[in-house]
Each structure stands twice: as structure tokens, then as C-alpha cells.
Amino acid sequence: MNQLILRYNRVAAWLDAASPALLPLAARFVFAAVLLIYFWASALTKLGPGPLGFLMPTDGAYIQIFPKTTEAFGYDFGQFGLFHWAVVTAGTLAEFLLPFLILVGLFTRLAALGMIGFIAVQSWVDVQGHGVGGDHLGGLFDRASDALIWDQRVLWVFVLVVLVLKGGGALSLDRILAGRIGAASQGS
């Protein structure tokens, strides 16, 4: 039994030593594998025509982000003002930029924190604006694990919290830049 405990402790010590570099790398991989294309595909639906399409959001962008306002305006998109345009444009850019930053591990903590805020707003719009409720809303500590809001998004946010706490990990631009800045400051 002592040999088993000793072996277990050696493996645990190795995992403890490896986790600061591997855990954030694994979190970035899971984010890329599960959510990167999801967010980019969503952002693509909001782009208007041409290379500056992000400055001319589609009607669908306003419907997605301001569903109740769109209804109140009778789907007359000319009634949307500068505020609405700025929110839709910023949201669309965030859906492209924040996942990209996480993918390459650049400003990872800040990008992950931004994604947590984005997911919170997205969830609020889904519930308040689009009327998601019932089984789709879900609940924590129940037997169902497939609800669109609580069950999925708590797991999404957990992956992002790992990145907020640990940074980009191994193979990240954050790590490369930290090394260069550290070397540059040593030479000064």
C-alpha cells in the first residue's frame, strides 16, 4: 500500500509541476475546438457587404442583439440610432477579436474576461430578448445537463475563468512577449 501511495504522490507532484503550462494550453484548445467557430459563424451573420461590412451590420444583427426593440420599431431598421449601431458593431468585432486573441494566446486574461462579459450579455439577451426559458434555460444541480443557457454557458465560462486565472500558458504569444520584455529589461 505504501508503494501505491508513493507512486500516486510522484504522479501528483509531476502533474502539479506541469499544470501551470498545460492547463491554460488545454483550456485554449477546448475553447478553440468548441467555441471559436461558433462565435465566428455568429459574427459572420452580422456583417454587411464588402470589406467594411462590419461598419454596416445586417438587419439580422439588430434582430439578434435588440430583438424587442426591433419588434417595437416594427422592423423599421431606419429607426435604430447611433447607440444601437455602436453596440451591434462592437459586439460583432468582439465576436471576431476576443476568440482570436484567446486562440493565439495574446492578452489572454483580458480577452477571456471580455468573453465572460460577452457570454453574460448574450445569455441575458437570450432570456430577456428572445424569451428563452423552461427546459432551454435549465438549472444548476438538476439531473438534466443539456440546457442551452445555464448548463452550457457555465462550462464555457469555467474554461474562460481558467484563462483569466492562469493566462495563455505554453505556446502563447503572452509567454513569448513576456520572455522578450523580461530579456529586454534585464539588458537595461
C-alpha atoms as a PDB file:
ATOM      1  CA  MET A   1       0.000   0.000   0.000  1.00  0.00           C
ATOM      2  CA  ASN A   2       2.858   2.379   0.789  1.00  0.00           C
ATOM      3  CA  GLN A   3       4.315   1.814  -2.700  1.00  0.00           C
ATOM      4  CA  LEU A   4       0.954   2.691  -4.258  1.00  0.00           C
ATOM      5  CA  ILE A   5       0.703   5.905  -2.253  1.00  0.00           C
ATOM      6  CA  LEU A   6       4.321   6.780  -3.091  1.00  0.00           C
ATOM      7  CA  ARG A   7       3.681   6.285  -6.827  1.00  0.00           C
ATOM      8  CA  TYR A   8       0.482   8.284  -6.608  1.00  0.00           C
ATOM      9  CA  ASN A   9       2.333  11.133  -4.896  1.00  0.00           C
ATOM     10  CA  ARG A  10       5.045  11.139  -7.603  1.00  0.00           C
ATOM     11  CA  VAL A  11       2.454  11.363 -10.357  1.00  0.00           C
ATOM     12  CA  ALA A  12       0.587  14.079  -8.454  1.00  0.00           C
ATOM     13  CA  ALA A  13       3.821  16.052  -7.999  1.00  0.00           C
ATOM     14  CA  TRP A  14       4.567  15.781 -11.726  1.00  0.00           C
ATOM     15  CA  LEU A  15       1.043  16.951 -12.585  1.00  0.00           C
ATOM     16  CA  ASP A  16       1.382  19.867 -10.141  1.00  0.00           C
ATOM     17  CA  ALA A  17       4.633  20.907 -11.817  1.00  0.00           C
ATOM     18  CA  ALA A  18       3.210  20.588 -15.354  1.00  0.00           C
ATOM     19  CA  SER A  19      -0.192  22.171 -14.752  1.00  0.00           C
ATOM     20  CA  PRO A  20       0.805  25.877 -14.870  1.00  0.00           C
ATOM     21  CA  ALA A  21       1.855  25.486 -18.513  1.00  0.00           C
ATOM     22  CA  LEU A  22      -0.505  22.716 -19.651  1.00  0.00           C
ATOM     23  CA  LEU A  23      -3.812  23.726 -18.030  1.00  0.00           C
ATOM     24  CA  PRO A  24      -4.113  27.065 -19.874  1.00  0.00           C
ATOM     25  CA  LEU A  25      -2.964  25.456 -23.123  1.00  0.00           C
ATOM     26  CA  ALA A  26      -5.648  22.800 -22.694  1.00  0.00           C
ATOM     27  CA  ALA A  27      -8.253  25.485 -21.890  1.00  0.00           C
ATOM     28  CA  ARG A  28      -7.324  27.412 -25.060  1.00  0.00           C
ATOM     29  CA  PHE A  29      -7.555  24.184 -27.069  1.00  0.00           C
ATOM     30  CA  VAL A  30     -11.014  23.387 -25.660  1.00  0.00           C
ATOM     31  CA  PHE A  31     -12.164  26.948 -26.341  1.00  0.00           C
ATOM     32  CA  ALA A  32     -10.923  26.740 -29.941  1.00  0.00           C
ATOM     33  CA  ALA A  33     -12.385  23.272 -30.502  1.00  0.00           C
ATOM     34  CA  VAL A  34     -15.817  24.066 -29.054  1.00  0.00           C
ATOM     35  CA  LEU A  35     -16.456  27.821 -29.294  1.00  0.00           C
ATOM     36  CA  LEU A  36     -14.155  29.532 -31.807  1.00  0.00           C
ATOM     37  CA  ILE A  37     -16.138  28.628 -34.921  1.00  0.00           C
ATOM     38  CA  TYR A  38     -19.430  29.110 -33.048  1.00  0.00           C
ATOM     39  CA  PHE A  39     -18.602  32.748 -32.277  1.00  0.00           C
ATOM     40  CA  TRP A  40     -17.035  33.471 -35.667  1.00  0.00           C
ATOM     41  CA  ALA A  41     -20.039  31.981 -37.509  1.00  0.00           C
ATOM     42  CA  SER A  42     -22.340  34.129 -35.393  1.00  0.00           C
ATOM     43  CA  ALA A  43     -20.282  37.240 -36.164  1.00  0.00           C
ATOM     44  CA  LEU A  44     -20.348  36.482 -39.902  1.00  0.00           C
ATOM     45  CA  THR A  45     -24.163  36.650 -39.867  1.00  0.00           C
ATOM     46  CA  LYS A  46     -23.915  40.262 -38.708  1.00  0.00           C
ATOM     47  CA  LEU A  47     -21.581  41.566 -41.428  1.00  0.00           C
ATOM     48  CA  GLY A  48     -22.855  43.778 -44.203  1.00  0.00           C
ATOM     49  CA  PRO A  49     -21.432  43.631 -47.731  1.00  0.00           C
ATOM     50  CA  GLY A  50     -17.837  44.374 -48.653  1.00  0.00           C
ATOM     51  CA  PRO A  51     -14.602  44.699 -46.721  1.00  0.00           C
ATOM     52  CA  LEU A  52     -16.106  47.321 -44.421  1.00  0.00           C
ATOM     53  CA  GLY A  53     -19.198  45.201 -43.777  1.00  0.00           C
ATOM     54  CA  PHE A  54     -18.556  45.301 -40.040  1.00  0.00           C
ATOM     55  CA  LEU A  55     -19.464  49.012 -40.215  1.00  0.00           C
ATOM     56  CA  MET A  56     -22.787  48.213 -41.944  1.00  0.00           C
ATOM     57  CA  PRO A  57     -24.393  45.498 -39.808  1.00  0.00           C
ATOM     58  CA  THR A  58     -27.149  43.383 -41.332  1.00  0.00           C
ATOM     59  CA  ASP A  59     -30.764  43.664 -40.237  1.00  0.00           C
ATOM     60  CA  GLY A  60     -30.273  40.241 -38.668  1.00  0.00           C
ATOM     61  CA  ALA A  61     -27.600  41.707 -36.412  1.00  0.00           C
ATOM     62  CA  TYR A  62     -30.125  44.130 -34.929  1.00  0.00           C
ATOM     63  CA  ILE A  63     -32.701  41.352 -34.613  1.00  0.00           C
ATOM     64  CA  GLN A  64     -30.193  39.160 -32.753  1.00  0.00           C
ATOM     65  CA  ILE A  65     -28.946  41.834 -30.367  1.00  0.00           C
ATOM     66  CA  PHE A  66     -32.034  44.058 -29.956  1.00  0.00           C
ATOM     67  CA  PRO A  67     -34.987  41.694 -30.558  1.00  0.00           C
ATOM     68  CA  LYS A  68     -37.599  43.567 -28.526  1.00  0.00           C
ATOM     69  CA  THR A  69     -36.504  46.960 -29.833  1.00  0.00           C
ATOM     70  CA  THR A  70     -36.694  45.607 -33.387  1.00  0.00           C
ATOM     71  CA  GLU A  71     -40.257  44.476 -32.731  1.00  0.00           C
ATOM     72  CA  ALA A  72     -41.150  47.804 -31.094  1.00  0.00           C
ATOM     73  CA  PHE A  73     -39.809  49.601 -34.198  1.00  0.00           C
ATOM     74  CA  GLY A  74     -41.995  47.379 -36.388  1.00  0.00           C
ATOM     75  CA  TYR A  75     -38.848  46.017 -38.077  1.00  0.00           C
ATOM     76  CA  ASP A  76     -38.149  49.514 -39.421  1.00  0.00           C
ATOM     77  CA  PHE A  77     -34.365  49.431 -39.160  1.00  0.00           C
ATOM     78  CA  GLY A  78     -34.112  53.112 -40.037  1.00  0.00           C
ATOM     79  CA  GLN A  79     -35.288  53.894 -36.503  1.00  0.00           C
ATOM     80  CA  PHE A  80     -32.143  52.474 -34.920  1.00  0.00           C
ATOM     81  CA  GLY A  81     -29.731  55.177 -33.829  1.00  0.00           C
ATOM     82  CA  LEU A  82     -26.034  55.622 -33.260  1.00  0.00           C
ATOM     83  CA  PHE A  83     -26.182  53.826 -29.900  1.00  0.00           C
ATOM     84  CA  HIS A  84     -27.694  50.690 -31.445  1.00  0.00           C
ATOM     85  CA  TRP A  85     -25.205  50.766 -34.317  1.00  0.00           C
ATOM     86  CA  ALA A  86     -22.276  51.132 -31.889  1.00  0.00           C
ATOM     87  CA  VAL A  87     -23.451  48.221 -29.723  1.00  0.00           C
ATOM     88  CA  VAL A  88     -24.001  45.942 -32.736  1.00  0.00           C
ATOM     89  CA  THR A  89     -20.672  46.928 -34.302  1.00  0.00           C
ATOM     90  CA  ALA A  90     -18.745  46.500 -31.043  1.00  0.00           C
ATOM     91  CA  GLY A  91     -20.436  43.163 -30.382  1.00  0.00           C
ATOM     92  CA  THR A  92     -19.625  41.922 -33.875  1.00  0.00           C
ATOM     93  CA  LEU A  93     -15.993  42.969 -33.592  1.00  0.00           C
ATOM     94  CA  ALA A  94     -15.784  41.366 -30.152  1.00  0.00           C
ATOM     95  CA  GLU A  95     -17.078  38.078 -31.580  1.00  0.00           C
ATOM     96  CA  PHE A  96     -14.157  38.063 -34.004  1.00  0.00           C
ATOM     97  CA  LEU A  97     -11.369  39.644 -31.967  1.00  0.00           C
ATOM     98  CA  LEU A  98     -11.748  38.128 -28.483  1.00  0.00           C
ATOM     99  CA  PRO A  99     -11.806  34.488 -29.687  1.00  0.00           C
ATOM    100  CA  PHE A 100      -8.821  35.205 -31.956  1.00  0.00           C
ATOM    101  CA  LEU A 101      -6.835  36.640 -29.037  1.00  0.00           C
ATOM    102  CA  ILE A 102      -7.607  33.538 -26.984  1.00  0.00           C
ATOM    103  CA  LEU A 103      -6.660  31.269 -29.895  1.00  0.00           C
ATOM    104  CA  VAL A 104      -3.187  32.801 -30.242  1.00  0.00           C
ATOM    105  CA  GLY A 105      -2.800  33.484 -26.523  1.00  0.00           C
ATOM    106  CA  LEU A 106      -2.368  37.243 -26.758  1.00  0.00           C
ATOM    107  CA  PHE A 107      -3.696  39.350 -23.875  1.00  0.00           C
ATOM    108  CA  THR A 108      -5.334  36.081 -22.879  1.00  0.00           C
ATOM    109  CA  ARG A 109      -6.533  37.128 -19.445  1.00  0.00           C
ATOM    110  CA  LEU A 110      -8.166  40.287 -20.729  1.00  0.00           C
ATOM    111  CA  ALA A 111      -9.693  38.507 -23.760  1.00  0.00           C
ATOM    112  CA  ALA A 112     -11.087  35.727 -21.560  1.00  0.00           C
ATOM    113  CA  LEU A 113     -12.556  38.289 -19.169  1.00  0.00           C
ATOM    114  CA  GLY A 114     -14.129  40.066 -22.155  1.00  0.00           C
ATOM    115  CA  MET A 115     -15.606  36.770 -23.369  1.00  0.00           C
ATOM    116  CA  ILE A 116     -17.109  36.124 -19.935  1.00  0.00           C
ATOM    117  CA  GLY A 117     -18.813  39.524 -20.143  1.00  0.00           C
ATOM    118  CA  PHE A 118     -19.881  38.805 -23.714  1.00  0.00           C
ATOM    119  CA  ILE A 119     -21.427  35.463 -22.693  1.00  0.00           C
ATOM    120  CA  ALA A 120     -23.229  37.134 -19.776  1.00  0.00           C
ATOM    121  CA  VAL A 121     -24.745  39.731 -22.121  1.00  0.00           C
ATOM    122  CA  GLN A 122     -25.524  37.059 -24.730  1.00  0.00           C
ATOM    123  CA  SER A 123     -27.316  34.966 -22.103  1.00  0.00           C
ATOM    124  CA  TRP A 124     -29.270  37.971 -20.826  1.00  0.00           C
ATOM    125  CA  VAL A 125     -30.392  38.810 -24.397  1.00  0.00           C
ATOM    126  CA  ASP A 126     -31.370  35.176 -24.989  1.00  0.00           C
ATOM    127  CA  VAL A 127     -33.530  35.117 -21.860  1.00  0.00           C
ATOM    128  CA  GLN A 128     -34.916  38.673 -21.805  1.00  0.00           C
ATOM    129  CA  GLY A 129     -34.949  39.472 -25.502  1.00  0.00           C
ATOM    130  CA  HIS A 130     -35.596  36.149 -27.196  1.00  0.00           C
ATOM    131  CA  GLY A 131     -37.670  34.632 -24.375  1.00  0.00           C
ATOM    132  CA  VAL A 132     -35.542  31.537 -23.808  1.00  0.00           C
ATOM    133  CA  GLY A 133     -36.942  29.743 -20.799  1.00  0.00           C
ATOM    134  CA  GLY A 134     -38.189  26.455 -19.475  1.00  0.00           C
ATOM    135  CA  ASP A 135     -36.115  23.418 -20.369  1.00  0.00           C
ATOM    136  CA  HIS A 136     -33.849  25.507 -22.619  1.00  0.00           C
ATOM    137  CA  LEU A 137     -32.924  27.759 -19.706  1.00  0.00           C
ATOM    138  CA  GLY A 138     -32.026  24.839 -17.491  1.00  0.00           C
ATOM    139  CA  GLY A 139     -30.852  24.976 -13.950  1.00  0.00           C
ATOM    140  CA  LEU A 140     -27.856  24.096 -11.914  1.00  0.00           C
ATOM    141  CA  PHE A 141     -27.824  20.999  -9.725  1.00  0.00           C
ATOM    142  CA  ASP A 142     -30.591  19.231 -11.638  1.00  0.00           C
ATOM    143  CA  ARG A 143     -30.443  15.910 -13.479  1.00  0.00           C
ATOM    144  CA  ALA A 144     -30.563  17.401 -16.986  1.00  0.00           C
ATOM    145  CA  SER A 145     -27.233  18.567 -18.395  1.00  0.00           C
ATOM    146  CA  ASP A 146     -28.239  19.745 -21.857  1.00  0.00           C
ATOM    147  CA  ALA A 147     -29.918  23.115 -21.375  1.00  0.00           C
ATOM    148  CA  LEU A 148     -28.766  25.931 -23.665  1.00  0.00           C
ATOM    149  CA  ILE A 149     -28.191  28.617 -21.071  1.00  0.00           C
ATOM    150  CA  TRP A 150     -27.119  27.504 -17.597  1.00  0.00           C
ATOM    151  CA  ASP A 151     -25.666  24.094 -18.381  1.00  0.00           C
ATOM    152  CA  GLN A 152     -23.683  25.048 -21.472  1.00  0.00           C
ATOM    153  CA  ARG A 153     -22.610  28.506 -20.520  1.00  0.00           C
ATOM    154  CA  VAL A 154     -21.403  27.658 -17.030  1.00  0.00           C
ATOM    155  CA  LEU A 155     -18.971  25.236 -18.668  1.00  0.00           C
ATOM    156  CA  TRP A 156     -17.963  27.855 -21.253  1.00  0.00           C
ATOM    157  CA  VAL A 157     -17.281  30.352 -18.502  1.00  0.00           C
ATOM    158  CA  PHE A 158     -15.312  27.809 -16.474  1.00  0.00           C
ATOM    159  CA  VAL A 159     -12.875  27.340 -19.369  1.00  0.00           C
ATOM    160  CA  LEU A 160     -12.541  31.121 -19.597  1.00  0.00           C
ATOM    161  CA  VAL A 161     -12.022  31.511 -15.831  1.00  0.00           C
ATOM    162  CA  VAL A 162      -9.057  29.127 -16.130  1.00  0.00           C
ATOM    163  CA  LEU A 163      -7.585  31.526 -18.693  1.00  0.00           C
ATOM    164  CA  VAL A 164      -8.285  34.594 -16.570  1.00  0.00           C
ATOM    165  CA  LEU A 165      -6.506  32.980 -13.623  1.00  0.00           C
ATOM    166  CA  LYS A 166      -3.661  31.217 -15.451  1.00  0.00           C
ATOM    167  CA  GLY A 167      -3.074  33.267 -18.601  1.00  0.00           C
ATOM    168  CA  GLY A 168      -2.247  31.807 -22.001  1.00  0.00           C
ATOM    169  CA  GLY A 169       0.156  29.122 -20.834  1.00  0.00           C
ATOM    170  CA  ALA A 170       2.736  27.398 -23.001  1.00  0.00           C
ATOM    171  CA  LEU A 171       2.767  28.159 -26.714  1.00  0.00           C
ATOM    172  CA  SER A 172       1.103  31.548 -26.297  1.00  0.00           C
ATOM    173  CA  LEU A 173       2.078  34.964 -27.574  1.00  0.00           C
ATOM    174  CA  ASP A 174       1.743  36.179 -23.991  1.00  0.00           C
ATOM    175  CA  ARG A 175       4.559  33.817 -22.995  1.00  0.00           C
ATOM    176  CA  ILE A 176       6.743  34.905 -25.925  1.00  0.00           C
ATOM    177  CA  LEU A 177       6.203  38.599 -25.217  1.00  0.00           C
ATOM    178  CA  ALA A 178       6.829  38.149 -21.503  1.00  0.00           C
ATOM    179  CA  GLY A 179      10.119  36.472 -22.317  1.00  0.00           C
ATOM    180  CA  ARG A 180      11.181  39.251 -24.672  1.00  0.00           C
ATOM    181  CA  ILE A 181      10.157  42.035 -22.312  1.00  0.00           C
ATOM    182  CA  GLY A 182      11.901  40.252 -19.448  1.00  0.00           C
ATOM    183  CA  ALA A 183      15.079  39.846 -21.514  1.00  0.00           C
ATOM    184  CA  ALA A 184      14.916  43.490 -22.623  1.00  0.00           C
ATOM    185  CA  SER A 185      14.518  44.740 -19.062  1.00  0.00           C
ATOM    186  CA  GLN A 186      17.457  42.594 -17.929  1.00  0.00           C
ATOM    187  CA  GLY A 187      19.641  44.253 -20.573  1.00  0.00           C
ATOM    188  CA  SER A 188      18.738  47.786 -19.475  1.00  0.00           C
END
